[in-house]
Amino acid sequence: MRLRTWYYAVLCFLMSPLVYAQNGQKYLERSLPETWQESSNDFQQTLPIDDHWWKNFNDPLLDSLIAVAIQQNYSVQMAADRIAMAKANLRIQQGSYSPTFGLNAGWNRQQSSGNTSSLPQTITQYADATLDMNWEIDVFGSIRNRVKAQKENFAASKEEYNAVMVSLCAQVASAYINMRELQQELNVVNKNCQSQLAVVKITEKRYETGLVSKLDVAQALSVYYDTKASIPMLEAGIIQYTNSLGVLMGLYPWDVKKIMQTQHPLPEYIEPVGIGIPANLLLRRPDIRSAERQVNAQAASLGASKSDWWPQIFVKGSIGFASHDIDKIANHNSLTYEIAPTLTWNFFQGNKLRQATKLAKAQLDESIRQFNETVLTSIQEVDNAMSAYKNSIKQIVALREVVNQGKETLALSLDLYKQGLTPFQNVLDAQRSLLSYENELTKAKGSSLLSLIQLYQALGGGWNENN
């Protein structure tokens, strides 16, 4: 009775990972929320049909840049290489299902000495050719679980490739928007330099006619040169983002510089964004799907490690011909064969099997926690991007009014200054304020687009296996 109870306990212990692997979908430690924390008219509960979200910006150059990056980016090519490696590993593991065959053939001729014994000198020769076979019968699922683990790793590598593509599209779009933002800021600075230079000439004329002191001229020049001093850093930033685009596209910087010399305004995009519901992330984000595949792979590896507790069954055999005379080797009397079913059971290996199972179980637990952390991180990224995008829209609307008022303030103060009704300090303040307001508006537009790009990336948009 005790022996039967012990056998049943061991059987349950060994078969448990197989059940675990089949129920591997229940990895979430807590249920996902039904709605997002941020909700407003800027978002809608449907996902976009077309994953090529960057086309909403209506910028053909951006479309071309992303298309080139998809074809030539080295990170994408390395991700494709990892898929090929994972597929090769899968095929190697699947080869364990099949028997192995080997061919041995040889010929031996030997002459013995007639002076070392009473036997006369003799010459013997021997020829043989044998086909050997060795086949492991996967009775307890060790090979099957290892093949399943490699299948999941192969699927995970494809999801990692999709994740690289999602990240690449977002990186190219972000670098492009950052560069266009700096170009727009450079245009704002150049426009204000022209306006400030015009004010300098006005103060010089008023000084020459004796209406004002030279202090007004010096102050006007200081504002002009201060604005002009910001140009080199903007140009340096444009070059940096151009270089970044070159790396992302697999090109040298000077090749991209030729393309980006023509300036374009920032894309105008203030429209509702489809975000779906949180549960959609599990079906959409490739990093979550990859993490799920990794859990499945570790569950299968745990099953394989526990299958190693069972014996291994092999079928060994050989067939061939052997003869002292080569011309008789194909004779039916020279036929040799062997069939040898064997059973190998290493039931004790100095606690090695037990520790290997503990290791596989710990790796499975780690992958489950990694999956849950990936889900939580994805929820955080989407909520942060939604909040940033929603508030950036509000900021743009407010800054547009600020810029309009700043332009009117500068016009009024300059008109009053020409009439001698207001000090020049009011004109200086209006100039500085208008430059600051226009720069803030440009940065807000760029930040809004970057937040939108981050939102699409967080939603897993931009690439899937059907694109």
Protein backbone atom coordinates (compact mmCIF):
# COMPACT_ATOMS: atom_id res chain seq x y z
CA MET A 1 0.00 0.00 0.00
CA ARG A 2 2.82 2.38 0.85
CA LEU A 3 4.58 1.54 -2.41
CA ARG A 4 1.42 2.32 -4.38
CA THR A 5 0.97 5.67 -2.56
CA TRP A 6 4.61 6.60 -3.19
CA TYR A 7 4.29 5.72 -6.88
CA TYR A 8 1.13 7.85 -7.25
CA ALA A 9 2.81 10.84 -5.56
CA VAL A 10 5.83 10.60 -7.84
CA LEU A 11 3.58 10.28 -10.90
CA CYS A 12 1.63 13.43 -9.99
CA PHE A 13 4.87 15.31 -9.37
CA LEU A 14 6.31 14.35 -12.73
CA MET A 15 3.17 15.02 -14.77
CA SER A 16 2.30 18.39 -13.15
CA PRO A 17 4.38 20.57 -15.53
CA LEU A 18 2.48 19.22 -18.51
CA VAL A 19 -0.77 20.53 -17.03
CA TYR A 20 0.91 23.79 -16.10
CA ALA A 21 2.05 24.33 -19.65
CA GLN A 22 -1.43 23.75 -21.02
CA ASN A 23 -2.94 26.34 -18.69
CA GLY A 24 -0.25 28.91 -19.37
CA GLN A 25 -2.69 31.71 -20.38
CA LYS A 26 -3.51 32.59 -16.79
CA TYR A 27 -0.39 34.62 -16.11
CA LEU A 28 -1.91 37.92 -15.00
CA GLU A 29 -1.76 38.37 -11.24
CA ARG A 30 -4.52 41.00 -11.34
CA SER A 31 -7.28 41.82 -13.80
CA LEU A 32 -6.83 44.68 -16.23
CA PRO A 33 -8.91 47.86 -15.80
CA GLU A 34 -11.91 48.21 -18.05
CA THR A 35 -11.12 51.81 -19.04
CA TRP A 36 -8.15 54.12 -19.10
CA GLN A 37 -7.50 56.61 -16.35
CA GLU A 38 -7.43 59.46 -18.85
CA SER A 39 -10.60 59.98 -20.85
CA SER A 40 -11.74 62.96 -22.92
CA ASN A 41 -12.97 63.92 -26.36
CA ASP A 42 -9.39 63.55 -27.61
CA PHE A 43 -9.67 59.75 -27.48
CA GLN A 44 -12.06 57.11 -28.73
CA GLN A 45 -12.51 53.50 -27.67
CA THR A 46 -11.58 51.98 -31.03
CA LEU A 47 -8.20 51.10 -32.40
CA PRO A 48 -7.14 52.42 -35.83
CA ILE A 49 -7.69 50.06 -38.72
CA ASP A 50 -4.45 51.07 -40.41
CA ASP A 51 -1.34 50.54 -38.30
CA HIS A 52 0.63 53.02 -40.41
CA TRP A 53 -0.22 55.82 -38.01
CA TRP A 54 2.50 58.16 -39.30
CA LYS A 55 0.53 58.60 -42.53
CA ASN A 56 -1.97 60.66 -40.52
CA PHE A 57 0.65 63.43 -40.50
CA ASN A 58 0.29 63.77 -44.30
CA ASP A 59 4.05 64.11 -44.74
CA PRO A 60 5.31 62.10 -47.76
CA LEU A 61 8.94 62.65 -46.71
CA LEU A 62 8.31 61.06 -43.31
CA ASP A 63 6.64 58.12 -45.04
CA SER A 64 9.72 57.68 -47.24
CA LEU A 65 12.13 57.90 -44.32
CA ILE A 66 10.31 55.17 -42.41
CA ALA A 67 10.13 52.99 -45.52
CA VAL A 68 13.90 53.26 -46.00
CA ALA A 69 14.56 52.59 -42.32
CA ILE A 70 12.44 49.44 -42.42
CA GLN A 71 14.52 48.14 -45.31
CA GLN A 72 17.99 49.16 -44.19
CA ASN A 73 18.07 49.54 -40.39
CA TYR A 74 20.69 47.25 -38.86
CA SER A 75 18.71 46.58 -35.68
CA VAL A 76 15.87 45.26 -37.81
CA GLN A 77 18.27 43.08 -39.77
CA MET A 78 19.77 41.72 -36.54
CA ALA A 79 16.27 40.94 -35.26
CA ALA A 80 15.65 39.02 -38.50
CA ASP A 81 18.91 37.13 -37.91
CA ARG A 82 17.70 36.18 -34.43
CA ILE A 83 14.53 34.77 -36.00
CA ALA A 84 16.68 32.66 -38.32
CA MET A 85 18.75 31.43 -35.37
CA ALA A 86 15.65 30.57 -33.36
CA LYS A 87 14.23 28.67 -36.33
CA ALA A 88 17.49 26.74 -36.72
CA ASN A 89 17.43 25.84 -33.01
CA LEU A 90 13.87 24.61 -33.43
CA ARG A 91 14.84 22.42 -36.38
CA ILE A 92 17.80 21.05 -34.40
CA GLN A 93 15.52 20.13 -31.50
CA GLN A 94 12.93 18.60 -33.83
CA GLY A 95 15.69 16.40 -35.20
CA SER A 96 15.60 14.48 -31.92
CA TYR A 97 12.33 12.91 -33.05
CA SER A 98 14.12 11.08 -35.86
CA PRO A 99 16.56 8.18 -35.59
CA THR A 100 20.22 8.72 -36.30
CA PHE A 101 22.02 6.63 -38.88
CA GLY A 102 25.70 6.03 -39.34
CA LEU A 103 27.73 4.10 -41.89
CA ASN A 104 30.93 2.26 -40.98
CA ALA A 105 33.02 0.50 -43.60
CA GLY A 106 36.59 -0.75 -43.61
CA TRP A 107 39.14 -3.24 -44.81
CA ASN A 108 41.98 -4.75 -42.82
CA ARG A 109 44.93 -6.86 -43.97
CA GLN A 110 47.37 -8.32 -41.44
CA GLN A 111 50.43 -10.55 -41.69
CA SER A 112 51.81 -12.39 -38.67
CA SER A 113 55.51 -13.23 -38.22
CA GLY A 114 56.66 -16.81 -38.64
CA ASN A 115 59.69 -16.33 -36.38
CA THR A 116 57.96 -15.47 -33.12
CA SER A 117 56.12 -18.72 -32.53
CA SER A 118 55.83 -22.26 -33.77
CA LEU A 119 52.97 -21.17 -36.00
CA PRO A 120 53.76 -20.54 -39.63
CA GLN A 121 53.59 -17.10 -41.14
CA THR A 122 49.99 -16.20 -41.99
CA ILE A 123 48.20 -13.43 -43.83
CA THR A 124 44.63 -12.51 -42.90
CA GLN A 125 42.32 -9.88 -44.28
CA TYR A 126 38.88 -8.69 -43.22
CA ALA A 127 36.30 -6.38 -44.82
CA ASP A 128 33.05 -5.10 -43.34
CA ALA A 129 30.31 -2.52 -44.02
CA THR A 130 27.65 -1.74 -41.39
CA LEU A 131 24.69 0.65 -41.19
CA ASP A 132 24.00 1.66 -37.54
CA MET A 133 20.77 3.15 -36.18
CA ASN A 134 19.99 4.76 -32.82
CA TRP A 135 16.48 6.01 -31.98
CA GLU A 136 15.19 7.46 -28.72
CA ILE A 137 11.50 6.71 -28.15
CA ASP A 138 9.95 9.81 -26.53
CA VAL A 139 7.63 7.95 -24.16
CA PHE A 140 7.60 10.50 -21.32
CA GLY A 141 7.66 13.73 -23.33
CA SER A 142 11.20 14.97 -22.74
CA ILE A 143 11.83 15.66 -26.43
CA ARG A 144 8.27 16.86 -26.97
CA ASN A 145 8.56 19.51 -24.23
CA ARG A 146 11.94 20.68 -25.43
CA VAL A 147 10.57 21.06 -28.96
CA LYS A 148 7.63 23.02 -27.56
CA ALA A 149 10.02 25.31 -25.69
CA GLN A 150 11.94 26.00 -28.90
CA LYS A 151 8.67 26.65 -30.77
CA GLU A 152 7.75 29.28 -28.18
CA ASN A 153 11.23 30.80 -28.38
CA PHE A 154 10.88 30.95 -32.16
CA ALA A 155 7.50 32.66 -31.84
CA ALA A 156 8.98 35.04 -29.24
CA SER A 157 11.78 35.99 -31.64
CA LYS A 158 9.18 36.98 -34.24
CA GLU A 159 7.39 39.11 -31.67
CA GLU A 160 10.71 40.71 -30.73
CA TYR A 161 11.18 41.53 -34.41
CA ASN A 162 7.77 43.21 -34.44
CA ALA A 163 8.74 45.13 -31.28
CA VAL A 164 11.90 46.36 -33.01
CA MET A 165 9.80 47.52 -35.95
CA VAL A 166 7.36 49.38 -33.68
CA SER A 167 10.25 51.06 -31.89
CA LEU A 168 12.02 51.90 -35.15
CA CYS A 169 8.98 53.63 -36.67
CA ALA A 170 8.53 55.66 -33.48
CA GLN A 171 12.23 56.57 -33.31
CA VAL A 172 12.36 57.74 -36.93
CA ALA A 173 9.19 59.79 -36.49
CA SER A 174 10.45 61.28 -33.20
CA ALA A 175 13.82 62.24 -34.66
CA TYR A 176 12.08 63.75 -37.67
CA ILE A 177 9.66 65.79 -35.52
CA ASN A 178 12.49 66.97 -33.24
CA MET A 179 14.47 68.12 -36.27
CA ARG A 180 11.45 69.89 -37.80
CA GLU A 181 10.79 71.54 -34.44
CA LEU A 182 14.33 72.92 -34.30
CA GLN A 183 14.03 74.10 -37.90
CA GLN A 184 10.80 75.87 -36.97
CA GLU A 185 12.48 77.44 -33.95
CA LEU A 186 15.30 78.58 -36.23
CA ASN A 187 12.73 80.21 -38.51
CA VAL A 188 11.18 81.96 -35.49
CA VAL A 189 14.59 83.24 -34.40
CA ASN A 190 15.47 84.46 -37.90
CA LYS A 191 12.10 86.20 -38.22
CA ASN A 192 12.55 87.90 -34.85
CA CYS A 193 16.10 88.88 -35.79
CA GLN A 194 14.73 90.69 -38.83
CA SER A 195 12.07 92.39 -36.72
CA GLN A 196 14.58 93.36 -34.03
CA LEU A 197 17.03 94.67 -36.64
CA ALA A 198 14.27 96.89 -37.98
CA VAL A 199 13.78 98.25 -34.45
CA VAL A 200 17.53 98.88 -34.22
CA LYS A 201 17.38 101.02 -37.34
CA ILE A 202 14.42 102.96 -35.89
CA THR A 203 16.36 103.71 -32.69
CA GLU A 204 19.42 104.73 -34.70
CA LYS A 205 17.37 107.23 -36.71
CA ARG A 206 15.77 108.64 -33.57
CA TYR A 207 19.22 108.90 -31.97
CA GLU A 208 20.60 110.68 -35.04
CA THR A 209 17.76 113.21 -34.85
CA GLY A 210 18.37 113.71 -31.14
CA LEU A 211 15.03 112.35 -29.99
CA VAL A 212 16.54 109.60 -27.79
CA SER A 213 19.83 108.77 -26.17
CA LYS A 214 22.31 106.21 -27.40
CA LEU A 215 21.10 103.91 -24.61
CA ASP A 216 18.08 102.96 -26.73
CA VAL A 217 20.37 101.92 -29.58
CA ALA A 218 22.58 99.84 -27.28
CA GLN A 219 19.58 98.13 -25.72
CA ALA A 220 18.08 97.35 -29.12
CA LEU A 221 21.39 95.91 -30.33
CA SER A 222 21.79 93.79 -27.18
CA VAL A 223 18.38 92.20 -27.74
CA TYR A 224 19.21 91.61 -31.43
CA TYR A 225 22.58 89.98 -30.75
CA ASP A 226 21.17 87.90 -27.88
CA THR A 227 18.54 86.48 -30.22
CA LYS A 228 21.13 85.89 -32.94
CA ALA A 229 23.38 84.04 -30.47
CA SER A 230 20.83 81.23 -30.15
CA ILE A 231 21.15 80.28 -33.83
CA PRO A 232 24.35 78.14 -33.60
CA MET A 233 22.91 75.83 -30.94
CA LEU A 234 19.75 75.33 -32.98
CA GLU A 235 21.82 74.48 -36.05
CA ALA A 236 23.90 72.03 -33.98
CA GLY A 237 20.72 70.34 -32.76
CA ILE A 238 19.45 70.01 -36.34
CA ILE A 239 22.70 68.29 -37.32
CA GLN A 240 22.46 65.90 -34.36
CA TYR A 241 18.95 64.78 -35.29
CA THR A 242 20.01 64.48 -38.93
CA ASN A 243 22.79 62.16 -37.82
CA SER A 244 20.31 60.17 -35.73
CA LEU A 245 18.09 59.72 -38.75
CA GLY A 246 21.11 58.50 -40.69
CA VAL A 247 21.83 55.76 -38.16
CA LEU A 248 18.19 54.72 -38.04
CA MET A 249 18.03 54.56 -41.84
CA GLY A 250 21.36 52.78 -42.25
CA LEU A 251 22.84 55.76 -44.13
CA TYR A 252 25.72 58.13 -43.65
CA PRO A 253 24.85 61.57 -42.21
CA TRP A 254 25.73 63.48 -45.40
CA ASP A 255 23.28 61.35 -47.38
CA VAL A 256 20.45 62.34 -45.03
CA LYS A 257 21.54 65.97 -44.90
CA LYS A 258 20.87 66.34 -48.61
CA ILE A 259 17.34 65.05 -48.11
CA MET A 260 16.57 67.24 -45.09
CA GLN A 261 17.91 70.55 -46.42
CA THR A 262 14.44 71.61 -47.56
CA GLN A 263 12.52 72.89 -44.56
CA HIS A 264 8.92 71.93 -43.89
CA PRO A 265 6.57 73.11 -41.15
CA LEU A 266 5.55 70.82 -38.35
CA PRO A 267 2.59 68.59 -39.23
CA GLU A 268 -0.74 69.92 -38.00
CA TYR A 269 -2.51 67.11 -36.18
CA ILE A 270 -5.12 67.69 -33.49
CA GLU A 271 -7.66 64.90 -33.90
CA PRO A 272 -9.20 62.18 -31.71
CA VAL A 273 -6.95 59.14 -31.29
CA GLY A 274 -8.18 55.55 -31.17
CA ILE A 275 -6.93 53.86 -28.00
CA GLY A 276 -9.19 50.86 -27.53
CA ILE A 277 -9.45 49.29 -24.08
CA PRO A 278 -6.59 48.07 -21.83
CA ALA A 279 -7.23 44.42 -22.65
CA ASN A 280 -6.42 45.16 -26.29
CA LEU A 281 -2.80 45.66 -25.34
CA LEU A 282 -2.45 41.93 -24.71
CA LEU A 283 -3.37 41.28 -28.33
CA ARG A 284 -1.56 44.25 -29.86
CA ARG A 285 1.76 44.99 -28.14
CA PRO A 286 4.51 42.68 -29.40
CA ASP A 287 6.54 42.94 -26.20
CA ILE A 288 3.61 41.56 -24.19
CA ARG A 289 3.09 38.77 -26.71
CA SER A 290 6.82 38.03 -26.59
CA ALA A 291 6.76 37.90 -22.78
CA GLU A 292 3.82 35.48 -22.94
CA ARG A 293 5.75 33.26 -25.35
CA GLN A 294 8.69 33.27 -22.98
CA VAL A 295 6.45 32.06 -20.16
CA ASN A 296 5.16 29.26 -22.36
CA ALA A 297 8.73 28.31 -23.24
CA GLN A 298 9.79 28.20 -19.59
CA ALA A 299 6.72 26.12 -18.72
CA ALA A 300 7.68 23.62 -21.41
CA SER A 301 11.27 23.59 -20.16
CA LEU A 302 9.99 22.79 -16.68
CA GLY A 303 8.03 19.90 -18.14
CA ALA A 304 11.14 18.67 -19.93
CA SER A 305 13.25 18.84 -16.76
CA LYS A 306 10.72 16.75 -14.85
CA SER A 307 10.50 14.29 -17.73
CA ASP A 308 14.19 13.68 -17.22
CA TRP A 309 13.28 11.84 -14.00
CA TRP A 310 11.81 9.08 -16.12
CA PRO A 311 13.89 6.45 -17.92
CA GLN A 312 15.02 6.85 -21.53
CA ILE A 313 14.16 4.15 -24.02
CA PHE A 314 16.34 3.59 -27.08
CA VAL A 315 16.17 1.24 -30.01
CA LYS A 316 19.60 0.46 -31.36
CA GLY A 317 20.28 -1.64 -34.40
CA SER A 318 22.74 -2.35 -37.14
CA ILE A 319 22.84 -4.27 -40.39
CA GLY A 320 25.77 -4.97 -42.66
CA PHE A 321 28.13 -7.43 -44.28
CA ALA A 322 31.46 -8.88 -43.13
CA SER A 323 33.79 -11.29 -44.87
CA HIS A 324 37.44 -12.32 -45.04
CA ASP A 325 37.15 -12.27 -48.81
CA ILE A 326 36.14 -8.98 -50.36
CA ASP A 327 34.59 -10.70 -53.36
CA LYS A 328 32.20 -12.55 -51.02
CA ILE A 329 31.17 -9.57 -48.88
CA ALA A 330 27.82 -9.21 -50.65
CA ASN A 331 27.00 -12.89 -50.15
CA HIS A 332 23.97 -13.62 -48.00
CA ASN A 333 26.15 -15.68 -45.67
CA SER A 334 28.11 -12.48 -44.90
CA LEU A 335 25.01 -10.67 -43.57
CA THR A 336 25.22 -9.37 -39.98
CA TYR A 337 22.58 -7.53 -37.96
CA GLU A 338 21.76 -6.51 -34.40
CA ILE A 339 18.59 -5.24 -32.71
CA ALA A 340 19.01 -3.99 -29.15
CA PRO A 341 16.18 -2.16 -27.33
CA THR A 342 17.67 -0.56 -24.24
CA LEU A 343 16.36 1.29 -21.21
CA THR A 344 18.46 3.85 -19.34
CA TRP A 345 17.27 5.25 -16.04
CA ASN A 346 19.53 7.59 -14.12
CA PHE A 347 17.22 7.84 -11.13
CA PHE A 348 19.97 9.20 -8.91
CA GLN A 349 22.57 11.75 -9.99
CA GLY A 350 23.67 13.29 -6.73
CA ASN A 351 20.63 15.63 -6.42
CA LYS A 352 21.31 16.98 -9.93
CA LEU A 353 17.84 16.25 -11.31
CA ARG A 354 16.09 17.83 -8.35
CA GLN A 355 18.14 21.04 -8.59
CA ALA A 356 17.60 21.20 -12.35
CA THR A 357 13.84 21.08 -11.75
CA LYS A 358 14.10 23.79 -9.10
CA LEU A 359 16.06 25.92 -11.55
CA ALA A 360 13.43 25.47 -14.27
CA LYS A 361 10.65 26.33 -11.78
CA ALA A 362 12.47 29.50 -10.68
CA GLN A 363 12.97 30.51 -14.31
CA LEU A 364 9.25 29.99 -14.96
CA ASP A 365 8.31 32.11 -11.95
CA GLU A 366 10.68 34.83 -13.12
CA SER A 367 9.18 34.86 -16.61
CA ILE A 368 5.66 35.13 -15.18
CA ARG A 369 6.69 38.12 -13.07
CA GLN A 370 8.39 39.63 -16.10
CA PHE A 371 5.15 39.21 -18.05
CA ASN A 372 3.14 40.97 -15.34
CA GLU A 373 5.69 43.77 -15.12
CA THR A 374 5.54 44.22 -18.89
CA VAL A 375 1.75 44.54 -18.73
CA LEU A 376 1.91 47.09 -15.89
CA THR A 377 4.59 49.08 -17.72
CA SER A 378 2.47 49.13 -20.88
CA ILE A 379 -0.52 50.49 -18.96
CA GLN A 380 1.70 53.17 -17.44
CA GLU A 381 3.17 54.15 -20.80
CA VAL A 382 -0.25 54.50 -22.42
CA ASP A 383 -1.68 56.55 -19.54
CA ASN A 384 1.35 58.84 -19.47
CA ALA A 385 1.24 59.38 -23.23
CA MET A 386 -2.51 60.04 -23.14
CA SER A 387 -2.13 62.60 -20.37
CA ALA A 388 0.79 64.31 -22.13
CA TYR A 389 -1.06 64.48 -25.45
CA LYS A 390 -4.33 65.73 -23.96
CA ASN A 391 -2.65 68.49 -21.97
CA SER A 392 -0.38 69.45 -24.86
CA ILE A 393 -3.49 70.21 -26.94
CA LYS A 394 -4.73 72.54 -24.20
CA GLN A 395 -1.32 74.19 -24.05
CA ILE A 396 -1.23 74.79 -27.81
CA VAL A 397 -4.66 76.44 -27.76
CA ALA A 398 -3.61 78.75 -24.91
CA LEU A 399 -0.21 79.60 -26.42
CA ARG A 400 -1.79 80.59 -29.73
CA GLU A 401 -3.73 83.28 -27.91
CA VAL A 402 -0.59 84.32 -26.05
CA VAL A 403 1.32 84.70 -29.33
CA ASN A 404 -1.47 86.78 -30.86
CA GLN A 405 -1.48 89.07 -27.84
CA GLY A 406 2.31 89.28 -27.91
CA LYS A 407 2.29 90.41 -31.52
CA GLU A 408 -0.30 93.06 -30.75
CA THR A 409 1.64 94.23 -27.70
CA LEU A 410 4.82 94.64 -29.75
CA ALA A 411 2.99 96.54 -32.49
CA LEU A 412 1.31 98.89 -30.00
CA SER A 413 4.42 99.52 -27.94
CA LEU A 414 6.52 100.21 -31.05
CA ASP A 415 3.87 102.60 -32.41
CA LEU A 416 3.73 104.47 -29.11
CA TYR A 417 7.52 104.58 -28.97
CA LYS A 418 7.69 106.17 -32.42
CA GLN A 419 5.30 108.84 -31.14
CA GLY A 420 7.40 109.34 -28.04
CA LEU A 421 4.56 108.27 -25.75
CA THR A 422 6.22 105.25 -24.11
CA PRO A 423 9.77 104.37 -23.02
CA PHE A 424 11.87 102.03 -25.14
CA GLN A 425 11.90 99.47 -22.33
CA ASN A 426 8.34 98.52 -23.22
CA VAL A 427 9.44 97.72 -26.76
CA LEU A 428 12.32 95.59 -25.45
CA ASP A 429 10.04 93.68 -23.14
CA ALA A 430 7.55 93.10 -25.94
CA GLN A 431 10.31 91.79 -28.23
CA ARG A 432 11.66 89.36 -25.66
CA SER A 433 8.17 88.18 -24.74
CA LEU A 434 7.10 87.59 -28.34
CA LEU A 435 10.24 85.54 -29.07
CA SER A 436 9.64 83.49 -25.94
CA TYR A 437 5.94 82.97 -26.75
CA GLU A 438 6.61 81.86 -30.33
CA ASN A 439 9.33 79.48 -29.20
CA GLU A 440 7.05 78.02 -26.55
CA LEU A 441 4.30 77.52 -29.12
CA THR A 442 6.71 75.76 -31.48
CA LYS A 443 7.99 73.52 -28.70
CA ALA A 444 4.44 72.76 -27.58
CA LYS A 445 3.50 71.68 -31.12
CA GLY A 446 6.57 69.44 -31.27
CA SER A 447 5.90 68.00 -27.81
CA SER A 448 2.31 67.28 -28.75
CA LEU A 449 3.40 65.32 -31.81
CA LEU A 450 6.05 63.47 -29.79
CA SER A 451 3.43 62.57 -27.18
CA LEU A 452 1.19 61.29 -29.95
CA ILE A 453 4.03 59.19 -31.34
CA GLN A 454 4.71 57.78 -27.86
CA LEU A 455 1.01 56.99 -27.52
CA TYR A 456 0.94 55.05 -30.79
CA GLN A 457 4.10 53.22 -29.75
CA ALA A 458 2.66 52.41 -26.33
CA LEU A 459 -0.46 51.04 -28.02
CA GLY A 460 1.75 48.72 -30.06
CA GLY A 461 0.90 50.43 -33.34
CA GLY A 462 3.14 50.83 -36.33
CA TRP A 463 3.81 47.26 -37.30
CA ASN A 464 2.41 43.77 -37.25
CA GLU A 465 3.09 40.53 -39.06
CA ASN A 466 0.44 41.34 -41.69
CA ASN A 467 2.04 44.64 -42.76
